[in-house]
Amino acid sequence: MAPSPRKPVTAADASTRLSDPWRVIGNSVRAGYNTQSMARGVRFLHRIAQEAEIADHHPDIDLRYGTIHLTISTHSSHRITEADVGLANLIDQIARELELEPLSIPETRFDVAIDALDIDIRPLGAVVRNF
């Protein structure tokens, strides 16, 4: 019997099963491709969207002129799953069919947050004047 598509996989297992250029970053898998033009990027995006609908699993897509960056995660489990690995490898197959070159390093993102709902936040100028 095939594994459940929502079955969690370890980062190490995902890393060994992902096609290049896919990389495990946090609780997601990420990759980028050089599309060389917006038109090629849209064609690639369209193919991805078709397969994502069939799989009922949808990547986050950042389309720019000449590049496309993808992030796949199973938000409901907060972990990488079989579905993430499968969709990433399918997207890589589409990229190869369209003769797209992978970007050497996937997009990196840093999220910084301050939990400040219960403290007095003052404008920076007021803080500096009282220092």
N, C-alpha and C. Protein backbone atom coordinates (compact mmCIF):
# COMPACT_ATOMS: atom_id res chain seq x y z
N MET A 1 0.84 -1.18 0.00
CA MET A 1 0.00 0.00 0.00
C MET A 1 0.89 1.24 0.00
N ALA A 2 0.53 2.25 -0.80
CA ALA A 2 1.30 3.49 -0.89
C ALA A 2 1.14 4.30 0.39
N PRO A 3 2.21 5.03 0.78
CA PRO A 3 2.10 5.85 1.99
C PRO A 3 1.09 6.97 1.80
N SER A 4 0.50 7.40 2.91
CA SER A 4 -0.45 8.51 2.88
C SER A 4 0.28 9.76 2.42
N PRO A 5 -0.35 10.57 1.55
CA PRO A 5 0.33 11.78 1.08
C PRO A 5 0.58 12.79 2.21
N ARG A 6 -0.17 12.71 3.28
CA ARG A 6 0.01 13.65 4.39
C ARG A 6 0.88 13.06 5.51
N LYS A 7 1.49 11.90 5.24
CA LYS A 7 2.35 11.27 6.23
C LYS A 7 3.62 12.12 6.40
N PRO A 8 3.95 12.51 7.63
CA PRO A 8 5.18 13.29 7.84
C PRO A 8 6.42 12.50 7.47
N VAL A 9 7.42 13.22 6.98
CA VAL A 9 8.73 12.63 6.71
C VAL A 9 9.78 13.49 7.41
N THR A 10 10.88 12.89 7.78
CA THR A 10 11.94 13.66 8.43
C THR A 10 12.64 14.54 7.40
N ALA A 11 13.28 15.58 7.90
CA ALA A 11 14.04 16.46 7.01
C ALA A 11 15.14 15.69 6.30
N ALA A 12 15.78 14.78 7.02
CA ALA A 12 16.86 13.99 6.41
C ALA A 12 16.32 13.10 5.30
N ASP A 13 15.18 12.46 5.53
CA ASP A 13 14.58 11.60 4.51
C ASP A 13 14.15 12.43 3.30
N ALA A 14 13.52 13.57 3.56
CA ALA A 14 13.10 14.45 2.46
C ALA A 14 14.30 14.89 1.64
N SER A 15 15.38 15.26 2.31
CA SER A 15 16.59 15.74 1.60
C SER A 15 17.14 14.69 0.65
N THR A 16 17.10 13.44 1.06
CA THR A 16 17.65 12.39 0.19
C THR A 16 16.72 12.07 -0.97
N ARG A 17 15.43 12.35 -0.81
CA ARG A 17 14.46 11.99 -1.85
C ARG A 17 14.12 13.15 -2.79
N LEU A 18 14.52 14.36 -2.46
CA LEU A 18 14.21 15.52 -3.30
C LEU A 18 15.17 15.64 -4.48
N SER A 19 14.62 16.02 -5.63
CA SER A 19 15.44 16.31 -6.80
C SER A 19 16.13 17.65 -6.59
N ASP A 20 17.30 17.82 -7.23
CA ASP A 20 17.92 19.14 -7.24
C ASP A 20 17.04 20.05 -8.07
N PRO A 21 16.81 21.26 -7.72
CA PRO A 21 17.47 22.10 -6.73
C PRO A 21 16.72 22.19 -5.40
N TRP A 22 15.78 21.31 -5.15
CA TRP A 22 14.95 21.39 -3.95
C TRP A 22 15.78 21.18 -2.69
N ARG A 23 15.49 22.02 -1.68
CA ARG A 23 16.19 21.96 -0.40
C ARG A 23 15.17 22.05 0.73
N VAL A 24 15.48 21.36 1.82
CA VAL A 24 14.67 21.47 3.03
C VAL A 24 15.11 22.73 3.77
N ILE A 25 14.16 23.60 4.04
CA ILE A 25 14.43 24.81 4.82
C ILE A 25 13.29 24.93 5.83
N GLY A 26 13.63 24.70 7.10
CA GLY A 26 12.61 24.72 8.14
C GLY A 26 11.62 23.58 7.93
N ASN A 27 10.35 23.91 7.99
CA ASN A 27 9.29 22.91 7.80
C ASN A 27 8.73 22.96 6.38
N SER A 28 9.60 23.29 5.43
CA SER A 28 9.16 23.39 4.04
C SER A 28 10.29 22.93 3.12
N VAL A 29 9.94 22.78 1.85
CA VAL A 29 10.94 22.52 0.82
C VAL A 29 10.87 23.68 -0.16
N ARG A 30 12.04 24.10 -0.63
CA ARG A 30 12.11 25.30 -1.49
C ARG A 30 13.04 25.07 -2.67
N ALA A 31 12.70 25.79 -3.75
CA ALA A 31 13.54 25.75 -4.95
C ALA A 31 13.27 26.99 -5.77
N GLY A 32 14.18 27.27 -6.68
CA GLY A 32 14.00 28.37 -7.61
C GLY A 32 14.49 27.96 -8.98
N TYR A 33 13.88 28.55 -10.00
CA TYR A 33 14.26 28.24 -11.38
C TYR A 33 14.41 29.53 -12.17
N ASN A 34 15.35 29.50 -13.12
CA ASN A 34 15.56 30.62 -14.03
C ASN A 34 14.63 30.41 -15.23
N THR A 35 13.65 31.30 -15.38
CA THR A 35 12.70 31.17 -16.48
C THR A 35 13.09 32.03 -17.68
N GLN A 36 13.99 32.97 -17.50
CA GLN A 36 14.52 33.85 -18.53
C GLN A 36 13.52 34.87 -19.06
N SER A 37 12.24 34.68 -18.78
CA SER A 37 11.25 35.68 -19.21
C SER A 37 9.97 35.49 -18.40
N MET A 38 9.14 36.50 -18.40
CA MET A 38 7.87 36.41 -17.71
C MET A 38 6.96 35.39 -18.40
N ALA A 39 6.98 35.36 -19.72
CA ALA A 39 6.11 34.43 -20.46
C ALA A 39 6.45 32.98 -20.13
N ARG A 40 7.73 32.64 -20.10
CA ARG A 40 8.12 31.26 -19.74
C ARG A 40 7.75 30.96 -18.29
N GLY A 41 7.89 31.96 -17.43
CA GLY A 41 7.53 31.78 -16.04
C GLY A 41 6.05 31.51 -15.87
N VAL A 42 5.22 32.21 -16.64
CA VAL A 42 3.78 32.00 -16.57
C VAL A 42 3.41 30.62 -17.10
N ARG A 43 4.06 30.17 -18.17
CA ARG A 43 3.80 28.81 -18.68
C ARG A 43 4.14 27.77 -17.62
N PHE A 44 5.27 27.95 -16.95
CA PHE A 44 5.68 27.05 -15.88
C PHE A 44 4.67 27.09 -14.74
N LEU A 45 4.29 28.29 -14.34
CA LEU A 45 3.31 28.45 -13.26
C LEU A 45 1.99 27.75 -13.62
N HIS A 46 1.56 27.89 -14.85
CA HIS A 46 0.30 27.26 -15.28
C HIS A 46 0.38 25.74 -15.15
N ARG A 47 1.48 25.16 -15.59
CA ARG A 47 1.65 23.71 -15.47
C ARG A 47 1.67 23.27 -14.00
N ILE A 48 2.37 24.06 -13.17
CA ILE A 48 2.40 23.75 -11.73
C ILE A 48 0.99 23.79 -11.16
N ALA A 49 0.24 24.83 -11.51
CA ALA A 49 -1.13 24.99 -10.99
C ALA A 49 -2.01 23.81 -11.38
N GLN A 50 -1.88 23.34 -12.61
CA GLN A 50 -2.67 22.19 -13.05
C GLN A 50 -2.37 20.96 -12.20
N GLU A 51 -1.10 20.68 -11.99
CA GLU A 51 -0.71 19.51 -11.20
C GLU A 51 -1.07 19.69 -9.72
N ALA A 52 -0.96 20.91 -9.22
CA ALA A 52 -1.31 21.17 -7.82
C ALA A 52 -2.80 20.93 -7.57
N GLU A 53 -3.63 21.31 -8.54
CA GLU A 53 -5.06 21.07 -8.40
C GLU A 53 -5.36 19.57 -8.38
N ILE A 54 -4.71 18.83 -9.25
CA ILE A 54 -4.91 17.37 -9.29
C ILE A 54 -4.49 16.75 -7.96
N ALA A 55 -3.36 17.20 -7.41
CA ALA A 55 -2.83 16.65 -6.16
C ALA A 55 -3.54 17.22 -4.94
N ASP A 56 -4.32 18.28 -5.12
CA ASP A 56 -4.95 18.99 -4.00
C ASP A 56 -3.90 19.41 -2.97
N HIS A 57 -2.79 19.92 -3.49
CA HIS A 57 -1.68 20.39 -2.65
C HIS A 57 -1.04 21.55 -3.40
N HIS A 58 -0.97 22.71 -2.78
CA HIS A 58 -0.65 23.93 -3.51
C HIS A 58 0.58 24.62 -2.96
N PRO A 59 1.57 24.87 -3.82
CA PRO A 59 2.79 25.55 -3.38
C PRO A 59 2.58 27.06 -3.29
N ASP A 60 3.43 27.71 -2.51
CA ASP A 60 3.53 29.16 -2.54
C ASP A 60 4.47 29.49 -3.70
N ILE A 61 4.05 30.42 -4.55
CA ILE A 61 4.80 30.71 -5.77
C ILE A 61 5.10 32.20 -5.83
N ASP A 62 6.36 32.53 -6.05
CA ASP A 62 6.79 33.91 -6.22
C ASP A 62 7.35 34.03 -7.64
N LEU A 63 6.55 34.60 -8.53
CA LEU A 63 6.94 34.76 -9.93
C LEU A 63 7.50 36.15 -10.14
N ARG A 64 8.71 36.22 -10.64
CA ARG A 64 9.37 37.48 -10.97
C ARG A 64 9.81 37.40 -12.43
N TYR A 65 10.16 38.56 -12.98
CA TYR A 65 10.69 38.52 -14.34
C TYR A 65 11.98 37.71 -14.32
N GLY A 66 11.99 36.61 -15.02
CA GLY A 66 13.19 35.79 -15.16
C GLY A 66 13.39 34.71 -14.13
N THR A 67 12.63 34.73 -13.03
CA THR A 67 12.79 33.68 -12.01
C THR A 67 11.44 33.32 -11.40
N ILE A 68 11.42 32.13 -10.82
CA ILE A 68 10.27 31.70 -10.05
C ILE A 68 10.81 30.96 -8.83
N HIS A 69 10.28 31.30 -7.66
CA HIS A 69 10.67 30.67 -6.41
C HIS A 69 9.45 29.94 -5.86
N LEU A 70 9.67 28.73 -5.36
CA LEU A 70 8.57 27.91 -4.87
C LEU A 70 8.86 27.43 -3.44
N THR A 71 7.81 27.42 -2.64
CA THR A 71 7.88 26.88 -1.29
C THR A 71 6.70 25.93 -1.13
N ILE A 72 6.98 24.73 -0.64
CA ILE A 72 5.92 23.75 -0.43
C ILE A 72 5.97 23.30 1.02
N SER A 73 4.82 23.33 1.66
CA SER A 73 4.72 22.81 3.02
C SER A 73 3.29 22.36 3.27
N THR A 74 3.14 21.45 4.20
CA THR A 74 1.80 21.02 4.61
C THR A 74 1.47 21.80 5.87
N HIS A 75 0.75 22.89 5.68
CA HIS A 75 0.47 23.82 6.78
C HIS A 75 -0.26 23.14 7.93
N SER A 76 -1.15 22.21 7.61
CA SER A 76 -1.97 21.58 8.66
C SER A 76 -1.14 20.69 9.59
N SER A 77 -0.02 20.16 9.13
CA SER A 77 0.78 19.28 9.99
C SER A 77 2.01 19.97 10.55
N HIS A 78 2.35 21.15 10.02
CA HIS A 78 3.55 21.90 10.46
C HIS A 78 4.83 21.08 10.31
N ARG A 79 4.81 20.17 9.36
CA ARG A 79 5.96 19.32 9.06
C ARG A 79 6.00 19.06 7.57
N ILE A 80 7.12 18.55 7.11
CA ILE A 80 7.23 18.13 5.72
C ILE A 80 6.53 16.78 5.59
N THR A 81 5.78 16.62 4.51
CA THR A 81 5.04 15.38 4.30
C THR A 81 5.39 14.74 2.96
N GLU A 82 4.87 13.54 2.79
CA GLU A 82 5.01 12.84 1.50
C GLU A 82 4.49 13.70 0.36
N ALA A 83 3.39 14.42 0.60
CA ALA A 83 2.81 15.27 -0.44
C ALA A 83 3.78 16.36 -0.87
N ASP A 84 4.52 16.93 0.08
CA ASP A 84 5.49 17.98 -0.24
C ASP A 84 6.61 17.44 -1.14
N VAL A 85 7.15 16.30 -0.75
CA VAL A 85 8.24 15.69 -1.52
C VAL A 85 7.74 15.30 -2.92
N GLY A 86 6.57 14.70 -2.98
CA GLY A 86 6.02 14.28 -4.27
C GLY A 86 5.78 15.46 -5.21
N LEU A 87 5.17 16.54 -4.68
CA LEU A 87 4.90 17.70 -5.52
C LEU A 87 6.19 18.38 -5.96
N ALA A 88 7.17 18.47 -5.07
CA ALA A 88 8.45 19.08 -5.43
C ALA A 88 9.10 18.32 -6.59
N ASN A 89 9.11 17.01 -6.49
CA ASN A 89 9.73 16.22 -7.56
C ASN A 89 8.94 16.31 -8.87
N LEU A 90 7.63 16.43 -8.77
CA LEU A 90 6.81 16.60 -9.97
C LEU A 90 7.09 17.96 -10.61
N ILE A 91 7.22 19.00 -9.80
CA ILE A 91 7.54 20.33 -10.32
C ILE A 91 8.91 20.31 -11.00
N ASP A 92 9.87 19.61 -10.41
CA ASP A 92 11.18 19.52 -11.04
C ASP A 92 11.10 18.81 -12.39
N GLN A 93 10.26 17.80 -12.49
CA GLN A 93 10.06 17.11 -13.77
C GLN A 93 9.48 18.07 -14.82
N ILE A 94 8.52 18.90 -14.41
CA ILE A 94 7.95 19.89 -15.33
C ILE A 94 9.03 20.86 -15.78
N ALA A 95 9.85 21.32 -14.83
CA ALA A 95 10.93 22.27 -15.16
C ALA A 95 11.89 21.66 -16.18
N ARG A 96 12.19 20.39 -16.01
CA ARG A 96 13.09 19.71 -16.97
C ARG A 96 12.44 19.62 -18.35
N GLU A 97 11.15 19.31 -18.39
CA GLU A 97 10.44 19.25 -19.67
C GLU A 97 10.46 20.61 -20.37
N LEU A 98 10.38 21.69 -19.60
CA LEU A 98 10.39 23.05 -20.16
C LEU A 98 11.81 23.58 -20.33
N GLU A 99 12.80 22.76 -19.99
CA GLU A 99 14.22 23.11 -20.11
C GLU A 99 14.57 24.35 -19.32
N LEU A 100 14.06 24.43 -18.09
CA LEU A 100 14.37 25.54 -17.20
C LEU A 100 15.58 25.17 -16.34
N GLU A 101 16.44 26.13 -16.13
CA GLU A 101 17.63 25.89 -15.31
C GLU A 101 17.30 26.19 -13.85
N PRO A 102 17.73 25.31 -12.94
CA PRO A 102 17.51 25.59 -11.53
C PRO A 102 18.43 26.72 -11.05
N LEU A 103 17.94 27.49 -10.10
CA LEU A 103 18.80 28.48 -9.46
C LEU A 103 19.69 27.72 -8.48
N SER A 104 20.92 28.18 -8.32
CA SER A 104 21.87 27.43 -7.49
C SER A 104 21.51 27.47 -6.01
N ILE A 105 20.90 28.54 -5.56
CA ILE A 105 20.55 28.66 -4.15
C ILE A 105 19.09 29.09 -4.06
N PRO A 106 18.27 28.34 -3.31
CA PRO A 106 16.87 28.77 -3.17
C PRO A 106 16.77 30.07 -2.38
N GLU A 107 15.68 30.75 -2.58
CA GLU A 107 15.43 32.00 -1.86
C GLU A 107 15.49 31.75 -0.37
N THR A 108 16.10 32.67 0.35
CA THR A 108 16.18 32.58 1.80
C THR A 108 15.28 33.65 2.39
N ARG A 109 14.58 33.28 3.43
CA ARG A 109 13.67 34.22 4.06
C ARG A 109 13.87 34.18 5.56
N PHE A 110 13.88 35.35 6.17
CA PHE A 110 13.97 35.46 7.61
C PHE A 110 12.73 36.18 8.11
N ASP A 111 12.06 35.59 9.07
CA ASP A 111 10.91 36.24 9.70
C ASP A 111 11.32 36.67 11.10
N VAL A 112 11.12 37.93 11.40
CA VAL A 112 11.41 38.45 12.72
C VAL A 112 10.11 39.03 13.26
N ALA A 113 9.76 38.64 14.46
CA ALA A 113 8.51 39.12 15.05
C ALA A 113 8.75 39.51 16.50
N ILE A 114 8.03 40.51 16.92
CA ILE A 114 8.08 40.94 18.31
C ILE A 114 6.67 40.86 18.86
N ASP A 115 6.50 40.09 19.91
CA ASP A 115 5.20 39.97 20.57
C ASP A 115 5.06 41.20 21.46
N ALA A 116 4.35 42.20 20.97
CA ALA A 116 4.30 43.47 21.68
C ALA A 116 2.87 43.96 21.91
N LEU A 117 1.93 43.06 21.94
CA LEU A 117 0.54 43.48 22.12
C LEU A 117 0.25 43.99 23.52
N ASP A 118 1.03 43.56 24.50
CA ASP A 118 0.72 43.93 25.88
C ASP A 118 1.74 44.87 26.51
N ILE A 119 2.55 45.57 25.68
CA ILE A 119 3.50 46.54 26.23
C ILE A 119 3.26 47.89 25.59
N ASP A 120 3.75 48.92 26.27
CA ASP A 120 3.61 50.30 25.78
C ASP A 120 4.62 50.53 24.66
N ILE A 121 4.11 50.75 23.46
CA ILE A 121 4.98 51.02 22.32
C ILE A 121 4.90 52.51 22.03
N ARG A 122 6.07 53.15 22.03
CA ARG A 122 6.12 54.59 21.78
C ARG A 122 6.88 54.86 20.50
N PRO A 123 6.59 55.97 19.86
CA PRO A 123 7.35 56.32 18.66
C PRO A 123 8.84 56.41 18.97
N LEU A 124 9.66 56.05 18.00
CA LEU A 124 11.11 56.03 18.19
C LEU A 124 11.64 57.37 18.69
N GLY A 125 11.10 58.47 18.16
CA GLY A 125 11.57 59.80 18.60
C GLY A 125 11.37 60.02 20.08
N ALA A 126 10.25 59.59 20.63
CA ALA A 126 9.98 59.73 22.06
C ALA A 126 10.93 58.88 22.88
N VAL A 127 11.25 57.72 22.39
CA VAL A 127 12.19 56.85 23.10
C VAL A 127 13.57 57.48 23.14
N VAL A 128 14.04 58.03 22.02
CA VAL A 128 15.36 58.63 21.93
C VAL A 128 15.45 59.86 22.82
N ARG A 129 14.42 60.70 22.83
CA ARG A 129 14.45 61.91 23.65
C ARG A 129 14.50 61.58 25.15
N ASN A 130 13.93 60.47 25.56
CA ASN A 130 13.90 60.09 26.98
C ASN A 130 15.07 59.21 27.38
N PHE A 131 16.01 58.99 26.50
CA PHE A 131 17.11 58.07 26.78
C PHE A 131 18.19 58.76 27.54
